[in-house]
C-alpha atoms as a PDB file:
ATOM      1  CA  MET A   1     -14.787 -51.527 -17.475  1.00  0.00           C
ATOM      2  CA  SER A   2     -16.655 -54.273 -15.751  1.00  0.00           C
ATOM      3  CA  ALA A   3     -17.811 -53.985 -12.478  1.00  0.00           C
ATOM      4  CA  LYS A   4     -14.919 -55.542  -9.679  1.00  0.00           C
ATOM      5  CA  ILE A   5     -16.290 -58.412  -7.409  1.00  0.00           C
ATOM      6  CA  LEU A   6     -14.119 -59.557  -4.400  1.00  0.00           C
ATOM      7  CA  VAL A   7     -14.312 -62.983  -3.591  1.00  0.00           C
ATOM      8  CA  VAL A   8     -13.767 -63.802  -0.304  1.00  0.00           C
ATOM      9  CA  GLU A   9     -13.062 -67.693   0.229  1.00  0.00           C
ATOM     10  CA  ASP A  10     -10.847 -69.744   2.890  1.00  0.00           C
ATOM     11  CA  GLU A  11     -11.665 -73.025   0.744  1.00  0.00           C
ATOM     12  CA  PRO A  12      -9.456 -72.497  -2.368  1.00  0.00           C
ATOM     13  CA  LEU A  13     -11.577 -74.498  -4.698  1.00  0.00           C
ATOM     14  CA  ILE A  14     -14.627 -72.685  -4.245  1.00  0.00           C
ATOM     15  CA  ARG A  15     -12.900 -69.320  -3.513  1.00  0.00           C
ATOM     16  CA  ILE A  16     -11.577 -69.967  -7.578  1.00  0.00           C
ATOM     17  CA  GLY A  17     -14.634 -71.762  -8.601  1.00  0.00           C
ATOM     18  CA  LEU A  18     -16.536 -68.969  -7.599  1.00  0.00           C
ATOM     19  CA  ALA A  19     -14.109 -66.564  -9.200  1.00  0.00           C
ATOM     20  CA  SER A  20     -14.146 -68.458 -12.026  1.00  0.00           C
ATOM     21  CA  PHE A  21     -18.075 -68.143 -12.651  1.00  0.00           C
ATOM     22  CA  LEU A  22     -18.181 -64.901 -11.849  1.00  0.00           C
ATOM     23  CA  GLU A  23     -15.481 -64.290 -14.905  1.00  0.00           C
ATOM     24  CA  GLU A  24     -16.803 -65.933 -17.083  1.00  0.00           C
ATOM     25  CA  ALA A  25     -20.312 -64.027 -16.160  1.00  0.00           C
ATOM     26  CA  GLY A  26     -18.016 -60.809 -17.424  1.00  0.00           C
ATOM     27  CA  TYR A  27     -16.834 -59.505 -13.701  1.00  0.00           C
ATOM     28  CA  GLU A  28     -13.182 -58.612 -12.792  1.00  0.00           C
ATOM     29  CA  THR A  29     -12.830 -60.569  -9.401  1.00  0.00           C
ATOM     30  CA  LEU A  30     -10.505 -60.234  -6.524  1.00  0.00           C
ATOM     31  CA  GLU A  31      -9.872 -62.776  -3.953  1.00  0.00           C
ATOM     32  CA  ALA A  32      -8.966 -63.187  -0.754  1.00  0.00           C
ATOM     33  CA  PRO A  33      -8.233 -65.912   1.443  1.00  0.00           C
ATOM     34  CA  ASN A  34      -9.788 -64.495   4.353  1.00  0.00           C
ATOM     35  CA  ALA A  35     -11.836 -61.634   5.797  1.00  0.00           C
ATOM     36  CA  ASP A  36      -8.096 -60.065   7.274  1.00  0.00           C
ATOM     37  CA  ARG A  37      -6.969 -59.934   3.470  1.00  0.00           C
ATOM     38  CA  ALA A  38     -10.143 -58.392   2.436  1.00  0.00           C
ATOM     39  CA  MET A  39      -9.561 -55.994   4.777  1.00  0.00           C
ATOM     40  CA  LYS A  40      -6.145 -55.069   3.881  1.00  0.00           C
ATOM     41  CA  LEU A  41      -6.864 -54.866  -0.462  1.00  0.00           C
ATOM     42  CA  LEU A  42     -10.203 -52.857   0.686  1.00  0.00           C
ATOM     43  CA  GLU A  43      -8.378 -50.581   2.564  1.00  0.00           C
ATOM     44  CA  GLU A  44      -5.284 -50.618  -0.278  1.00  0.00           C
ATOM     45  CA  GLY A  45      -8.164 -48.245  -2.056  1.00  0.00           C
ATOM     46  CA  ALA A  46      -9.164 -51.663  -4.301  1.00  0.00           C
ATOM     47  CA  ASP A  47     -12.022 -50.543  -6.747  1.00  0.00           C
ATOM     48  CA  VAL A  48     -14.600 -53.486  -5.558  1.00  0.00           C
ATOM     49  CA  SER A  49     -18.598 -53.068  -6.328  1.00  0.00           C
ATOM     50  CA  VAL A  50     -19.519 -56.055  -4.280  1.00  0.00           C
ATOM     51  CA  VAL A  51     -18.579 -58.258  -1.743  1.00  0.00           C
ATOM     52  CA  ILE A  52     -18.887 -61.891  -1.843  1.00  0.00           C
ATOM     53  CA  SER A  53     -18.188 -63.431   1.625  1.00  0.00           C
ATOM     54  CA  ASP A  54     -18.242 -67.106   2.945  1.00  0.00           C
ATOM     55  CA  VAL A  55     -18.417 -66.428   6.715  1.00  0.00           C
ATOM     56  CA  ASP A  56     -16.776 -68.959   8.270  1.00  0.00           C
ATOM     57  CA  MET A  57     -13.210 -68.272   8.547  1.00  0.00           C
ATOM     58  CA  PRO A  58     -10.000 -68.335  10.119  1.00  0.00           C
ATOM     59  CA  GLY A  59      -8.873 -64.787  11.383  1.00  0.00           C
ATOM     60  CA  SER A  60      -9.479 -62.131  13.023  1.00  0.00           C
ATOM     61  CA  MET A  61     -13.446 -61.443  12.156  1.00  0.00           C
ATOM     62  CA  ASP A  62     -15.678 -63.663  10.681  1.00  0.00           C
ATOM     63  CA  GLY A  63     -17.938 -63.132   6.679  1.00  0.00           C
ATOM     64  CA  VAL A  64     -21.139 -61.745   9.230  1.00  0.00           C
ATOM     65  CA  GLY A  65     -18.300 -59.490  10.988  1.00  0.00           C
ATOM     66  CA  LEU A  66     -16.331 -58.339   7.441  1.00  0.00           C
ATOM     67  CA  ALA A  67     -20.366 -57.618   5.831  1.00  0.00           C
ATOM     68  CA  HIS A  68     -20.256 -55.532   9.125  1.00  0.00           C
ATOM     69  CA  ARG A  69     -17.142 -53.313   8.418  1.00  0.00           C
ATOM     70  CA  VAL A  70     -17.597 -52.898   5.277  1.00  0.00           C
ATOM     71  CA  LYS A  71     -21.145 -51.601   4.611  1.00  0.00           C
ATOM     72  CA  ARG A  72     -19.598 -49.436   7.565  1.00  0.00           C
ATOM     73  CA  ASP A  73     -16.837 -47.930   5.810  1.00  0.00           C
ATOM     74  CA  TRP A  74     -17.676 -48.451   2.985  1.00  0.00           C
ATOM     75  CA  PRO A  75     -21.467 -48.098   2.129  1.00  0.00           C
ATOM     76  CA  GLY A  76     -21.086 -47.792  -1.469  1.00  0.00           C
ATOM     77  CA  ILE A  77     -20.079 -51.833  -1.631  1.00  0.00           C
ATOM     78  CA  GLY A  78     -22.559 -54.622  -1.928  1.00  0.00           C
ATOM     79  CA  PHE A  79     -21.872 -57.529  -0.096  1.00  0.00           C
ATOM     80  CA  ILE A  80     -23.393 -61.247  -0.186  1.00  0.00           C
ATOM     81  CA  VAL A  81     -23.176 -63.505   2.308  1.00  0.00           C
ATOM     82  CA  MET A  82     -22.406 -67.266   1.887  1.00  0.00           C
ATOM     83  CA  SER A  83     -22.436 -70.706   3.952  1.00  0.00           C
ATOM     84  CA  GLY A  84     -22.678 -74.426   3.587  1.00  0.00           C
ATOM     85  CA  LYS A  85     -22.528 -74.470   7.431  1.00  0.00           C
ATOM     86  CA  VAL A  86     -25.033 -72.066   9.061  1.00  0.00           C
ATOM     87  CA  ASN A  87     -28.467 -71.010   9.075  1.00  0.00           C
ATOM     88  CA  LEU A  88     -29.878 -67.499   7.783  1.00  0.00           C
ATOM     89  CA  SER A  89     -31.618 -67.544  11.162  1.00  0.00           C
ATOM     90  CA  GLU A  90     -28.424 -67.356  13.240  1.00  0.00           C
ATOM     91  CA  LEU A  91     -27.079 -64.489  11.566  1.00  0.00           C
ATOM     92  CA  VAL A  92     -27.404 -60.794  12.477  1.00  0.00           C
ATOM     93  CA  LEU A  93     -26.874 -59.456   8.931  1.00  0.00           C
ATOM     94  CA  PRO A  94     -26.256 -55.836   8.504  1.00  0.00           C
ATOM     95  CA  GLU A  95     -29.290 -54.471   5.850  1.00  0.00           C
ATOM     96  CA  ASN A  96     -29.503 -55.008   2.348  1.00  0.00           C
ATOM     97  CA  THR A  97     -27.386 -58.118   2.699  1.00  0.00           C
ATOM     98  CA  PRO A  98     -28.380 -61.390   0.665  1.00  0.00           C
ATOM     99  CA  PHE A  99     -27.552 -64.323   2.006  1.00  0.00           C
ATOM    100  CA  PHE A 100     -27.082 -67.301   0.006  1.00  0.00           C
ATOM    101  CA  SER A 101     -26.889 -71.266   1.206  1.00  0.00           C
ATOM    102  CA  LYS A 102     -24.213 -73.230  -0.300  1.00  0.00           C
ATOM    103  CA  PRO A 103     -24.680 -74.866  -3.078  1.00  0.00           C
ATOM    104  CA  TYR A 104     -25.875 -70.888  -4.192  1.00  0.00           C
ATOM    105  CA  ILE A 105     -27.817 -71.212  -7.656  1.00  0.00           C
ATOM    106  CA  GLU A 106     -25.713 -69.701 -10.195  1.00  0.00           C
ATOM    107  CA  ALA A 107     -28.720 -67.610 -11.500  1.00  0.00           C
ATOM    108  CA  LYS A 108     -29.806 -65.993  -8.156  1.00  0.00           C
ATOM    109  CA  LEU A 109     -26.160 -65.260  -7.224  1.00  0.00           C
ATOM    110  CA  LEU A 110     -25.447 -63.347 -10.782  1.00  0.00           C
ATOM    111  CA  ARG A 111     -29.420 -61.387 -10.352  1.00  0.00           C
ATOM    112  CA  ALA A 112     -28.266 -59.992  -6.825  1.00  0.00           C
ATOM    113  CA  VAL A 113     -24.828 -59.271  -7.478  1.00  0.00           C
ATOM    114  CA  SER A 114     -25.907 -57.179 -10.404  1.00  0.00           C
ATOM    115  CA  SER A 115     -29.286 -55.828  -8.611  1.00  0.00           C
ATOM    116  CA  MET A 116     -25.959 -54.124  -6.811  1.00  0.00           C
ATOM    117  CA  LEU A 117     -24.553 -52.332  -9.698  1.00  0.00           C
END
């Protein structure tokens, strides 16, 4: 069974594209349009190994807030933060949470995912 990755992104085309890319690389994916839906999936027991999330999304929390919640409540789940709008220097991320600027380099993203498994 392959690892399951939760893709959290409010832009549907970006979310679908990233999920398709990860599936082509051999991973299973779940998708959420915002952090609130991602939290619901995790609270319902979704068997997720890694979360990849955008920073800027509508809802009660952004991707950085989601990263902190996931790392606190599910410390065994890897987390990757991405953004095309903010810089890493503007963010306070949990320890061992890589940041990727969009557009991301696919090979580097896959290496980051595989290092978390």
